[in-house]
Amino acid sequence: MESVSVVVPVYNSAATLQELVTRLTAVLKSEAVAFEIILINDGSRDTSWETIEQLAGVHRHVRGINLSRNYGQQNALLCGVRAARHGIVVTLDDDLQHPPEEVPKLLRKLEAGADVVYGAAQTVPHGHFRGAGSRLTKWLLEFALGAQTGCGISAFRAFRTCLRDAFRDYRGPQVMLDFLLTWGTTRVATIHVPHQPRRVGTSNYSFFRLAAHAIHLLTSFSTLPLRLASWVGVASLMFGLLVLAWVLGNYLYRGTSQPGFPFLASIIAIFAGAQMFALGILGEYLAQVHGRLMEKPAYLIRTDTSAGGGARMVA
């Protein structure tokens, strides 16, 4: 048995926090020698922070961190991971889709030698459009992280807290915890666990938001899009050479050239499209560099229940 810190980013989930803490406490009492539950309020517009304060007042093992505004789930996770005090960190969502009773399965897999364990869903409890966005995101992450790592990525995960040393000095407004964890280890495992349908509210991630989020993170943590632009450029060059060879061969064989404006216009459009595609990717990377140079903080803590309140900036 080891000590465990459970990190939960919270956004408009006042209705589920009491049950979540109760179920987590029951599981961790039998699975860990010491434990804490860190609830990070990510700019909720309901009474989530008031609920967190009440829970922290009743349970000594519950710690609340209130961010100054909504920074996003990944930034809130980074805040919680940096605040964790115990040897293993478990992360899960605040909507009870990740059953707390499945946490022991993740811990057993860590004991078997893995450094990071994902609890992938046996069945995805989303609609078709939302599910398509999730599949697109995972497909892009598979390309960036490798198929073995990317295919099982889930917000329900457990990892050794020492891995945060690999990204201790990371600074930047864009965060993807799964990318950061790969900086410290390649021993990643996946197990399948049931994910429950959301009982309260609706998901904040639409198809387009998920797609934009994945592309944005790819350009923040991976050079794959740049390589893709190079491949597109090479493919366009090869296509142009083939067209040139066909035109010259046709002229030498028949003594005439291929007439017609549509043919010429289509070739120009192909090359122009390839150039604009490459320029667009370069623009995304320049935007990321601009964001890093501005040195925006990943989050700002307004209140920490374990520190007696007060705001402090953390990048």
C-alpha atoms as a PDB file:
ATOM      1  CA  MET A   1       0.000   0.000   0.000  1.00  0.00           C
ATOM      2  CA  GLU A   2       1.202   3.487  -0.886  1.00  0.00           C
ATOM      3  CA  SER A   3       0.041   7.028  -0.241  1.00  0.00           C
ATOM      4  CA  VAL A   4      -2.295   8.520  -2.842  1.00  0.00           C
ATOM      5  CA  SER A   5      -3.291  12.013  -3.932  1.00  0.00           C
ATOM      6  CA  VAL A   6      -6.516  12.197  -5.944  1.00  0.00           C
ATOM      7  CA  VAL A   7      -6.740  15.279  -8.173  1.00  0.00           C
ATOM      8  CA  VAL A   8     -10.168  16.346  -9.464  1.00  0.00           C
ATOM      9  CA  PRO A   9     -10.659  19.417 -11.684  1.00  0.00           C
ATOM     10  CA  VAL A  10     -14.078  20.877 -10.887  1.00  0.00           C
ATOM     11  CA  TYR A  11     -16.308  22.931 -13.172  1.00  0.00           C
ATOM     12  CA  ASN A  12     -19.981  23.520 -12.346  1.00  0.00           C
ATOM     13  CA  SER A  13     -20.291  20.233 -10.452  1.00  0.00           C
ATOM     14  CA  ALA A  14     -21.656  21.195  -7.060  1.00  0.00           C
ATOM     15  CA  ALA A  15     -24.353  18.506  -7.384  1.00  0.00           C
ATOM     16  CA  THR A  16     -21.881  15.600  -7.620  1.00  0.00           C
ATOM     17  CA  LEU A  17     -19.026  16.598  -5.299  1.00  0.00           C
ATOM     18  CA  GLN A  18     -20.510  15.257  -2.060  1.00  0.00           C
ATOM     19  CA  GLU A  19     -21.085  11.784  -3.514  1.00  0.00           C
ATOM     20  CA  LEU A  20     -17.701  11.827  -5.260  1.00  0.00           C
ATOM     21  CA  VAL A  21     -15.825  12.599  -2.024  1.00  0.00           C
ATOM     22  CA  THR A  22     -17.837  10.019  -0.065  1.00  0.00           C
ATOM     23  CA  ARG A  23     -17.138   7.233  -2.563  1.00  0.00           C
ATOM     24  CA  LEU A  24     -13.472   8.166  -2.961  1.00  0.00           C
ATOM     25  CA  THR A  25     -12.979   8.252   0.808  1.00  0.00           C
ATOM     26  CA  ALA A  26     -14.494   4.782   1.230  1.00  0.00           C
ATOM     27  CA  VAL A  27     -12.183   3.343  -1.453  1.00  0.00           C
ATOM     28  CA  LEU A  28      -8.976   5.071  -0.350  1.00  0.00           C
ATOM     29  CA  LYS A  29      -9.354   4.123   3.309  1.00  0.00           C
ATOM     30  CA  SER A  30      -8.761   0.498   2.351  1.00  0.00           C
ATOM     31  CA  GLU A  31      -6.244   1.106  -0.465  1.00  0.00           C
ATOM     32  CA  ALA A  32      -3.769   3.701   0.830  1.00  0.00           C
ATOM     33  CA  VAL A  33      -1.715   4.229   3.973  1.00  0.00           C
ATOM     34  CA  ALA A  34      -2.384   7.952   3.588  1.00  0.00           C
ATOM     35  CA  PHE A  35      -4.426   9.915   1.082  1.00  0.00           C
ATOM     36  CA  GLU A  36      -5.780  13.306   0.126  1.00  0.00           C
ATOM     37  CA  ILE A  37      -8.437  14.535  -2.290  1.00  0.00           C
ATOM     38  CA  ILE A  38      -7.547  17.786  -4.076  1.00  0.00           C
ATOM     39  CA  LEU A  39     -10.497  19.587  -5.655  1.00  0.00           C
ATOM     40  CA  ILE A  40      -9.475  22.365  -8.064  1.00  0.00           C
ATOM     41  CA  ASN A  41     -12.284  24.797  -8.813  1.00  0.00           C
ATOM     42  CA  ASP A  42     -11.693  25.921 -12.401  1.00  0.00           C
ATOM     43  CA  GLY A  43     -13.772  29.091 -12.475  1.00  0.00           C
ATOM     44  CA  SER A  44     -17.133  27.424 -11.821  1.00  0.00           C
ATOM     45  CA  ARG A  45     -20.237  29.579 -12.193  1.00  0.00           C
ATOM     46  CA  ASP A  46     -22.349  27.590  -9.727  1.00  0.00           C
ATOM     47  CA  THR A  47     -21.774  26.936  -6.016  1.00  0.00           C
ATOM     48  CA  SER A  48     -18.925  24.460  -6.561  1.00  0.00           C
ATOM     49  CA  TRP A  49     -16.392  26.471  -4.546  1.00  0.00           C
ATOM     50  CA  GLU A  50     -18.753  26.899  -1.593  1.00  0.00           C
ATOM     51  CA  THR A  51     -19.334  23.123  -1.675  1.00  0.00           C
ATOM     52  CA  ILE A  52     -15.582  22.473  -1.789  1.00  0.00           C
ATOM     53  CA  GLU A  53     -15.037  24.740   1.224  1.00  0.00           C
ATOM     54  CA  GLN A  54     -17.717  22.864   3.153  1.00  0.00           C
ATOM     55  CA  LEU A  55     -16.178  19.503   2.282  1.00  0.00           C
ATOM     56  CA  ALA A  56     -12.696  20.705   3.238  1.00  0.00           C
ATOM     57  CA  GLY A  57     -14.092  21.886   6.570  1.00  0.00           C
ATOM     58  CA  VAL A  58     -15.652  18.500   7.311  1.00  0.00           C
ATOM     59  CA  HIS A  59     -12.940  16.176   5.947  1.00  0.00           C
ATOM     60  CA  ARG A  60      -9.305  16.725   6.878  1.00  0.00           C
ATOM     61  CA  HIS A  61      -8.155  14.817   3.803  1.00  0.00           C
ATOM     62  CA  VAL A  62     -10.011  17.135   1.396  1.00  0.00           C
ATOM     63  CA  ARG A  63      -8.129  20.153   0.062  1.00  0.00           C
ATOM     64  CA  GLY A  64      -9.686  22.858  -2.086  1.00  0.00           C
ATOM     65  CA  ILE A  65      -7.891  25.129  -4.552  1.00  0.00           C
ATOM     66  CA  ASN A  66      -9.822  27.960  -6.158  1.00  0.00           C
ATOM     67  CA  LEU A  67      -8.423  29.310  -9.451  1.00  0.00           C
ATOM     68  CA  SER A  68      -8.980  32.961 -10.323  1.00  0.00           C
ATOM     69  CA  ARG A  69     -10.858  32.103 -13.549  1.00  0.00           C
ATOM     70  CA  ASN A  70     -11.518  29.234 -15.937  1.00  0.00           C
ATOM     71  CA  TYR A  71      -8.147  28.069 -17.310  1.00  0.00           C
ATOM     72  CA  GLY A  72      -9.262  24.711 -18.706  1.00  0.00           C
ATOM     73  CA  GLN A  73      -9.216  21.164 -17.443  1.00  0.00           C
ATOM     74  CA  GLN A  74      -5.575  20.452 -18.292  1.00  0.00           C
ATOM     75  CA  ASN A  75      -4.297  23.594 -16.555  1.00  0.00           C
ATOM     76  CA  ALA A  76      -6.348  22.749 -13.476  1.00  0.00           C
ATOM     77  CA  LEU A  77      -4.870  19.247 -13.513  1.00  0.00           C
ATOM     78  CA  LEU A  78      -1.339  20.667 -13.653  1.00  0.00           C
ATOM     79  CA  CYS A  79      -2.136  22.811 -10.632  1.00  0.00           C
ATOM     80  CA  GLY A  80      -3.395  19.800  -8.689  1.00  0.00           C
ATOM     81  CA  VAL A  81      -0.469  17.584  -9.694  1.00  0.00           C
ATOM     82  CA  ARG A  82       2.008  20.202  -8.505  1.00  0.00           C
ATOM     83  CA  ALA A  83       0.131  20.468  -5.199  1.00  0.00           C
ATOM     84  CA  ALA A  84       0.034  16.690  -4.573  1.00  0.00           C
ATOM     85  CA  ARG A  85       1.825  15.519  -1.420  1.00  0.00           C
ATOM     86  CA  HIS A  86       1.794  11.734  -1.829  1.00  0.00           C
ATOM     87  CA  GLY A  87       3.656   9.148  -3.877  1.00  0.00           C
ATOM     88  CA  ILE A  88       0.906   8.346  -6.406  1.00  0.00           C
ATOM     89  CA  VAL A  89      -1.441  10.732  -8.191  1.00  0.00           C
ATOM     90  CA  VAL A  90      -4.862   9.614  -9.440  1.00  0.00           C
ATOM     91  CA  THR A  91      -6.889  11.931 -11.671  1.00  0.00           C
ATOM     92  CA  LEU A  92     -10.552  11.592 -12.576  1.00  0.00           C
ATOM     93  CA  ASP A  93     -13.466  13.744 -13.696  1.00  0.00           C
ATOM     94  CA  ASP A  94     -15.917  15.433 -11.347  1.00  0.00           C
ATOM     95  CA  ASP A  95     -19.114  14.096 -12.974  1.00  0.00           C
ATOM     96  CA  LEU A  96     -18.941  10.500 -11.635  1.00  0.00           C
ATOM     97  CA  GLN A  97     -18.398   9.066 -15.119  1.00  0.00           C
ATOM     98  CA  HIS A  98     -15.189   7.551 -13.741  1.00  0.00           C
ATOM     99  CA  PRO A  99     -16.289   5.201 -10.926  1.00  0.00           C
ATOM    100  CA  PRO A 100     -14.110   5.733  -7.822  1.00  0.00           C
ATOM    101  CA  GLU A 101     -14.466   2.009  -7.115  1.00  0.00           C
ATOM    102  CA  GLU A 102     -12.218   1.326 -10.143  1.00  0.00           C
ATOM    103  CA  VAL A 103      -9.236   3.199  -8.643  1.00  0.00           C
ATOM    104  CA  PRO A 104      -7.778   0.009  -7.041  1.00  0.00           C
ATOM    105  CA  LYS A 105      -7.393  -1.517 -10.527  1.00  0.00           C
ATOM    106  CA  LEU A 106      -5.172   1.380 -11.552  1.00  0.00           C
ATOM    107  CA  LEU A 107      -3.121   1.061  -8.372  1.00  0.00           C
ATOM    108  CA  ARG A 108      -2.616  -2.688  -8.910  1.00  0.00           C
ATOM    109  CA  LYS A 109      -1.275  -2.012 -12.403  1.00  0.00           C
ATOM    110  CA  LEU A 110       1.194   0.510 -11.003  1.00  0.00           C
ATOM    111  CA  GLU A 111       2.371  -2.067  -8.494  1.00  0.00           C
ATOM    112  CA  ALA A 112       3.028  -4.424 -11.418  1.00  0.00           C
ATOM    113  CA  GLY A 113       5.702  -2.050 -12.750  1.00  0.00           C
ATOM    114  CA  ALA A 114       4.028   0.660 -14.818  1.00  0.00           C
ATOM    115  CA  ASP A 115       4.677   4.345 -14.201  1.00  0.00           C
ATOM    116  CA  VAL A 116       1.450   5.593 -15.817  1.00  0.00           C
ATOM    117  CA  VAL A 117      -1.833   3.679 -16.052  1.00  0.00           C
ATOM    118  CA  TYR A 118      -4.905   4.829 -18.001  1.00  0.00           C
ATOM    119  CA  GLY A 119      -8.411   3.591 -17.297  1.00  0.00           C
ATOM    120  CA  ALA A 120      -9.797   3.485 -20.834  1.00  0.00           C
ATOM    121  CA  ALA A 121     -13.554   3.214 -21.302  1.00  0.00           C
ATOM    122  CA  GLN A 122     -15.035  -0.151 -22.229  1.00  0.00           C
ATOM    123  CA  THR A 123     -17.839   1.734 -23.982  1.00  0.00           C
ATOM    124  CA  VAL A 124     -17.916   5.489 -24.575  1.00  0.00           C
ATOM    125  CA  PRO A 125     -21.092   7.061 -23.047  1.00  0.00           C
ATOM    126  CA  HIS A 126     -21.316   9.910 -25.597  1.00  0.00           C
ATOM    127  CA  GLY A 127     -23.494  10.791 -28.567  1.00  0.00           C
ATOM    128  CA  HIS A 128     -22.317  10.158 -32.121  1.00  0.00           C
ATOM    129  CA  PHE A 129     -21.142  13.724 -32.783  1.00  0.00           C
ATOM    130  CA  ARG A 130     -19.380  14.072 -29.420  1.00  0.00           C
ATOM    131  CA  GLY A 131     -17.924  10.590 -29.822  1.00  0.00           C
ATOM    132  CA  ALA A 132     -16.535  11.527 -33.248  1.00  0.00           C
ATOM    133  CA  GLY A 133     -14.722  14.449 -31.633  1.00  0.00           C
ATOM    134  CA  SER A 134     -13.233  12.151 -28.983  1.00  0.00           C
ATOM    135  CA  ARG A 135     -12.096   9.667 -31.632  1.00  0.00           C
ATOM    136  CA  LEU A 136     -10.501  12.450 -33.695  1.00  0.00           C
ATOM    137  CA  THR A 137      -8.637  13.726 -30.650  1.00  0.00           C
ATOM    138  CA  LYS A 138      -7.339  10.260 -29.779  1.00  0.00           C
ATOM    139  CA  TRP A 139      -6.368   9.619 -33.403  1.00  0.00           C
ATOM    140  CA  LEU A 140      -4.260  12.777 -33.455  1.00  0.00           C
ATOM    141  CA  LEU A 141      -2.710  11.906 -30.096  1.00  0.00           C
ATOM    142  CA  GLU A 142      -1.838   8.435 -31.372  1.00  0.00           C
ATOM    143  CA  PHE A 143       0.153  10.037 -34.166  1.00  0.00           C
ATOM    144  CA  ALA A 144       1.926  12.406 -31.777  1.00  0.00           C
ATOM    145  CA  LEU A 145       2.550  10.044 -28.849  1.00  0.00           C
ATOM    146  CA  GLY A 146       2.700   6.740 -30.698  1.00  0.00           C
ATOM    147  CA  ALA A 147      -0.118   4.270 -31.164  1.00  0.00           C
ATOM    148  CA  GLN A 148       0.734   2.212 -28.092  1.00  0.00           C
ATOM    149  CA  THR A 149       0.543   5.244 -25.785  1.00  0.00           C
ATOM    150  CA  GLY A 150      -2.071   7.369 -27.500  1.00  0.00           C
ATOM    151  CA  CYS A 151      -4.828   4.824 -28.060  1.00  0.00           C
ATOM    152  CA  GLY A 152      -5.585   4.327 -24.359  1.00  0.00           C
ATOM    153  CA  ILE A 153      -5.421   7.919 -23.152  1.00  0.00           C
ATOM    154  CA  SER A 154      -8.136   8.837 -20.680  1.00  0.00           C
ATOM    155  CA  ALA A 155      -8.765  11.486 -18.031  1.00  0.00           C
ATOM    156  CA  PHE A 156      -8.976   8.547 -15.586  1.00  0.00           C
ATOM    157  CA  ARG A 157      -5.300   7.876 -14.874  1.00  0.00           C
ATOM    158  CA  ALA A 158      -2.807   7.037 -12.137  1.00  0.00           C
ATOM    159  CA  PHE A 159       0.913   7.771 -12.168  1.00  0.00           C
ATOM    160  CA  ARG A 160       3.907   8.079  -9.885  1.00  0.00           C
ATOM    161  CA  THR A 161       4.220  11.591  -8.492  1.00  0.00           C
ATOM    162  CA  CYS A 162       7.986  11.632  -9.129  1.00  0.00           C
ATOM    163  CA  LEU A 163       7.243  11.976 -12.866  1.00  0.00           C
ATOM    164  CA  ARG A 164       6.332  15.629 -12.320  1.00  0.00           C
ATOM    165  CA  ASP A 165      10.056  16.331 -11.890  1.00  0.00           C
ATOM    166  CA  ALA A 166      10.327  15.911 -15.679  1.00  0.00           C
ATOM    167  CA  PHE A 167       8.135  18.996 -16.207  1.00  0.00           C
ATOM    168  CA  ARG A 168       8.809  20.875 -12.973  1.00  0.00           C
ATOM    169  CA  ASP A 169      10.132  23.917 -14.858  1.00  0.00           C
ATOM    170  CA  TYR A 170       7.524  23.843 -17.623  1.00  0.00           C
ATOM    171  CA  ARG A 171       6.080  27.278 -18.314  1.00  0.00           C
ATOM    172  CA  GLY A 172       3.388  28.069 -20.820  1.00  0.00           C
ATOM    173  CA  PRO A 173      -0.338  28.726 -21.059  1.00  0.00           C
ATOM    174  CA  GLN A 174      -1.080  25.541 -23.026  1.00  0.00           C
ATOM    175  CA  VAL A 175      -0.946  22.300 -21.054  1.00  0.00           C
ATOM    176  CA  MET A 176      -1.438  18.637 -21.969  1.00  0.00           C
ATOM    177  CA  LEU A 177      -0.674  16.400 -19.010  1.00  0.00           C
ATOM    178  CA  ASP A 178      -0.339  13.268 -21.142  1.00  0.00           C
ATOM    179  CA  PHE A 179       2.412  14.848 -23.247  1.00  0.00           C
ATOM    180  CA  LEU A 180       4.206  16.032 -20.117  1.00  0.00           C
ATOM    181  CA  LEU A 181       4.112  12.565 -18.564  1.00  0.00           C
ATOM    182  CA  THR A 182       5.847  11.063 -21.606  1.00  0.00           C
ATOM    183  CA  TRP A 183       8.807  13.339 -20.907  1.00  0.00           C
ATOM    184  CA  GLY A 184       9.520  11.229 -17.834  1.00  0.00           C
ATOM    185  CA  THR A 185       8.698   7.637 -18.788  1.00  0.00           C
ATOM    186  CA  THR A 186       7.793   5.172 -21.504  1.00  0.00           C
ATOM    187  CA  ARG A 187       6.324   2.598 -19.117  1.00  0.00           C
ATOM    188  CA  VAL A 188       2.677   3.290 -19.877  1.00  0.00           C
ATOM    189  CA  ALA A 189      -0.140   0.780 -19.441  1.00  0.00           C
ATOM    190  CA  THR A 190      -3.864   0.733 -20.168  1.00  0.00           C
ATOM    191  CA  ILE A 191      -6.700  -1.186 -18.549  1.00  0.00           C
ATOM    192  CA  HIS A 192     -10.375  -1.119 -19.480  1.00  0.00           C
ATOM    193  CA  VAL A 193     -12.865   0.049 -16.894  1.00  0.00           C
ATOM    194  CA  PRO A 194     -16.566   0.979 -17.139  1.00  0.00           C
ATOM    195  CA  HIS A 195     -17.362   4.661 -17.642  1.00  0.00           C
ATOM    196  CA  GLN A 196     -20.795   5.692 -16.467  1.00  0.00           C
ATOM    197  CA  PRO A 197     -23.174   8.074 -18.296  1.00  0.00           C
ATOM    198  CA  ARG A 198     -23.131  11.636 -17.032  1.00  0.00           C
ATOM    199  CA  ARG A 199     -25.947  12.049 -14.498  1.00  0.00           C
ATOM    200  CA  VAL A 200     -25.915  15.829 -14.034  1.00  0.00           C
ATOM    201  CA  GLY A 201     -25.467  18.531 -16.690  1.00  0.00           C
ATOM    202  CA  THR A 202     -23.923  18.194 -20.132  1.00  0.00           C
ATOM    203  CA  SER A 203     -20.376  17.961 -21.408  1.00  0.00           C
ATOM    204  CA  ASN A 204     -18.518  21.222 -22.077  1.00  0.00           C
ATOM    205  CA  TYR A 205     -16.672  19.668 -25.026  1.00  0.00           C
ATOM    206  CA  SER A 206     -18.283  19.798 -28.460  1.00  0.00           C
ATOM    207  CA  PHE A 207     -16.888  18.166 -31.597  1.00  0.00           C
ATOM    208  CA  PHE A 208     -15.349  21.411 -32.861  1.00  0.00           C
ATOM    209  CA  ARG A 209     -13.930  22.341 -29.470  1.00  0.00           C
ATOM    210  CA  LEU A 210     -12.302  18.921 -29.133  1.00  0.00           C
ATOM    211  CA  ALA A 211     -10.846  19.120 -32.648  1.00  0.00           C
ATOM    212  CA  ALA A 212      -9.477  22.631 -32.103  1.00  0.00           C
ATOM    213  CA  HIS A 213      -8.093  21.577 -28.713  1.00  0.00           C
ATOM    214  CA  ALA A 214      -6.271  18.577 -30.213  1.00  0.00           C
ATOM    215  CA  ILE A 215      -4.749  20.573 -33.083  1.00  0.00           C
ATOM    216  CA  HIS A 216      -3.697  23.352 -30.729  1.00  0.00           C
ATOM    217  CA  LEU A 217      -1.977  20.907 -28.403  1.00  0.00           C
ATOM    218  CA  LEU A 218      -0.296  19.100 -31.283  1.00  0.00           C
ATOM    219  CA  THR A 219       1.362  22.312 -32.383  1.00  0.00           C
ATOM    220  CA  SER A 220       2.345  23.032 -28.762  1.00  0.00           C
ATOM    221  CA  PHE A 221       3.983  19.701 -27.966  1.00  0.00           C
ATOM    222  CA  SER A 222       4.761  17.956 -31.254  1.00  0.00           C
ATOM    223  CA  THR A 223       6.635  18.593 -34.516  1.00  0.00           C
ATOM    224  CA  LEU A 224       4.364  16.197 -36.415  1.00  0.00           C
ATOM    225  CA  PRO A 225       2.386  18.950 -38.209  1.00  0.00           C
ATOM    226  CA  LEU A 226       5.645  20.464 -39.483  1.00  0.00           C
ATOM    227  CA  ARG A 227       6.683  17.091 -40.842  1.00  0.00           C
ATOM    228  CA  LEU A 228       3.246  16.682 -42.405  1.00  0.00           C
ATOM    229  CA  ALA A 229       3.697  20.030 -44.171  1.00  0.00           C
ATOM    230  CA  SER A 230       7.037  18.775 -45.523  1.00  0.00           C
ATOM    231  CA  TRP A 231       5.407  15.568 -46.768  1.00  0.00           C
ATOM    232  CA  VAL A 232       2.669  17.538 -48.498  1.00  0.00           C
ATOM    233  CA  GLY A 233       5.323  19.703 -50.138  1.00  0.00           C
ATOM    234  CA  VAL A 234       7.255  16.657 -51.361  1.00  0.00           C
ATOM    235  CA  ALA A 235       4.051  15.053 -52.657  1.00  0.00           C
ATOM    236  CA  SER A 236       3.153  18.244 -54.547  1.00  0.00           C
ATOM    237  CA  LEU A 237       6.643  18.387 -56.058  1.00  0.00           C
ATOM    238  CA  MET A 238       6.448  14.777 -57.200  1.00  0.00           C
ATOM    239  CA  PHE A 239       3.005  15.369 -58.683  1.00  0.00           C
ATOM    240  CA  GLY A 240       4.300  18.440 -60.527  1.00  0.00           C
ATOM    241  CA  LEU A 241       7.237  16.494 -61.952  1.00  0.00           C
ATOM    242  CA  LEU A 242       4.897  13.755 -63.132  1.00  0.00           C
ATOM    243  CA  VAL A 243       2.664  16.314 -64.842  1.00  0.00           C
ATOM    244  CA  LEU A 244       5.719  17.914 -66.456  1.00  0.00           C
ATOM    245  CA  ALA A 245       6.930  14.520 -67.710  1.00  0.00           C
ATOM    246  CA  TRP A 246       3.458  13.759 -69.110  1.00  0.00           C
ATOM    247  CA  VAL A 247       3.249  17.118 -70.913  1.00  0.00           C
ATOM    248  CA  LEU A 248       6.763  16.761 -72.407  1.00  0.00           C
ATOM    249  CA  GLY A 249       6.153  13.153 -73.383  1.00  0.00           C
ATOM    250  CA  ASN A 250       2.852  14.065 -75.022  1.00  0.00           C
ATOM    251  CA  TYR A 251       4.583  16.879 -76.940  1.00  0.00           C
ATOM    252  CA  LEU A 252       7.445  14.655 -78.126  1.00  0.00           C
ATOM    253  CA  TYR A 253       5.135  11.789 -79.083  1.00  0.00           C
ATOM    254  CA  ARG A 254       2.291  13.736 -80.738  1.00  0.00           C
ATOM    255  CA  GLY A 255       4.029  16.988 -81.561  1.00  0.00           C
ATOM    256  CA  THR A 256       1.373  18.992 -79.686  1.00  0.00           C
ATOM    257  CA  SER A 257       0.968  20.324 -76.146  1.00  0.00           C
ATOM    258  CA  GLN A 258      -2.062  19.845 -73.900  1.00  0.00           C
ATOM    259  CA  PRO A 259      -4.393  22.847 -74.441  1.00  0.00           C
ATOM    260  CA  GLY A 260      -6.922  24.174 -72.004  1.00  0.00           C
ATOM    261  CA  PHE A 261      -7.105  26.668 -69.183  1.00  0.00           C
ATOM    262  CA  PRO A 262      -8.888  24.252 -66.743  1.00  0.00           C
ATOM    263  CA  PHE A 263      -5.894  21.903 -66.751  1.00  0.00           C
ATOM    264  CA  LEU A 264      -3.469  24.734 -65.981  1.00  0.00           C
ATOM    265  CA  ALA A 265      -5.756  26.221 -63.342  1.00  0.00           C
ATOM    266  CA  SER A 266      -6.095  22.887 -61.542  1.00  0.00           C
ATOM    267  CA  ILE A 267      -2.317  22.471 -61.351  1.00  0.00           C
ATOM    268  CA  ILE A 268      -1.906  25.996 -59.986  1.00  0.00           C
ATOM    269  CA  ALA A 269      -4.636  25.364 -57.422  1.00  0.00           C
ATOM    270  CA  ILE A 270      -2.923  22.196 -56.206  1.00  0.00           C
ATOM    271  CA  PHE A 271       0.397  23.937 -55.652  1.00  0.00           C
ATOM    272  CA  ALA A 272      -1.210  27.020 -54.121  1.00  0.00           C
ATOM    273  CA  GLY A 273      -3.194  24.815 -51.735  1.00  0.00           C
ATOM    274  CA  ALA A 274      -0.038  22.968 -50.647  1.00  0.00           C
ATOM    275  CA  GLN A 275       1.743  26.259 -50.013  1.00  0.00           C
ATOM    276  CA  MET A 276      -1.140  27.708 -48.006  1.00  0.00           C
ATOM    277  CA  PHE A 277      -1.370  24.496 -45.971  1.00  0.00           C
ATOM    278  CA  ALA A 278       2.324  24.731 -45.076  1.00  0.00           C
ATOM    279  CA  LEU A 279       2.059  28.445 -44.286  1.00  0.00           C
ATOM    280  CA  GLY A 280      -0.935  27.777 -42.043  1.00  0.00           C
ATOM    281  CA  ILE A 281       1.009  25.233 -40.006  1.00  0.00           C
ATOM    282  CA  LEU A 282       3.971  27.599 -39.719  1.00  0.00           C
ATOM    283  CA  GLY A 283       1.548  30.283 -38.547  1.00  0.00           C
ATOM    284  CA  GLU A 284       0.257  27.963 -35.800  1.00  0.00           C
ATOM    285  CA  TYR A 285       3.800  27.377 -34.559  1.00  0.00           C
ATOM    286  CA  LEU A 286       4.592  31.099 -34.646  1.00  0.00           C
ATOM    287  CA  ALA A 287       1.458  31.692 -32.555  1.00  0.00           C
ATOM    288  CA  GLN A 288       2.677  29.113 -30.027  1.00  0.00           C
ATOM    289  CA  VAL A 289       6.105  30.772 -29.855  1.00  0.00           C
ATOM    290  CA  HIS A 290       4.403  34.143 -29.375  1.00  0.00           C
ATOM    291  CA  GLY A 291       2.313  32.714 -26.532  1.00  0.00           C
ATOM    292  CA  ARG A 292       5.384  31.258 -24.811  1.00  0.00           C
ATOM    293  CA  LEU A 293       7.313  34.541 -25.105  1.00  0.00           C
ATOM    294  CA  MET A 294       4.436  36.354 -23.394  1.00  0.00           C
ATOM    295  CA  GLU A 295       4.985  33.999 -20.400  1.00  0.00           C
ATOM    296  CA  LYS A 296       1.335  33.821 -19.434  1.00  0.00           C
ATOM    297  CA  PRO A 297       0.791  31.753 -16.284  1.00  0.00           C
ATOM    298  CA  ALA A 298      -0.821  28.348 -16.671  1.00  0.00           C
ATOM    299  CA  TYR A 299      -3.102  29.218 -13.752  1.00  0.00           C
ATOM    300  CA  LEU A 300      -3.543  31.662 -10.875  1.00  0.00           C
ATOM    301  CA  ILE A 301      -4.559  30.372  -7.461  1.00  0.00           C
ATOM    302  CA  ARG A 302      -7.001  32.681  -5.714  1.00  0.00           C
ATOM    303  CA  THR A 303      -7.580  30.578  -2.576  1.00  0.00           C
ATOM    304  CA  ASP A 304      -6.102  27.392  -1.120  1.00  0.00           C
ATOM    305  CA  THR A 305      -7.965  25.888   1.833  1.00  0.00           C
ATOM    306  CA  SER A 306      -4.752  24.382   3.225  1.00  0.00           C
ATOM    307  CA  ALA A 307      -2.952  27.762   3.209  1.00  0.00           C
ATOM    308  CA  GLY A 308      -5.560  29.906   4.878  1.00  0.00           C
ATOM    309  CA  GLY A 309      -6.565  31.748   1.717  1.00  0.00           C
ATOM    310  CA  GLY A 310      -4.786  34.388  -0.325  1.00  0.00           C
ATOM    311  CA  ALA A 311      -3.995  34.616  -4.015  1.00  0.00           C
ATOM    312  CA  ARG A 312      -0.686  33.704  -5.592  1.00  0.00           C
ATOM    313  CA  MET A 313       0.414  33.430  -9.184  1.00  0.00           C
ATOM    314  CA  VAL A 314       1.825  30.182 -10.496  1.00  0.00           C
ATOM    315  CA  ALA A 315       3.091  29.776 -14.061  1.00  0.00           C
END
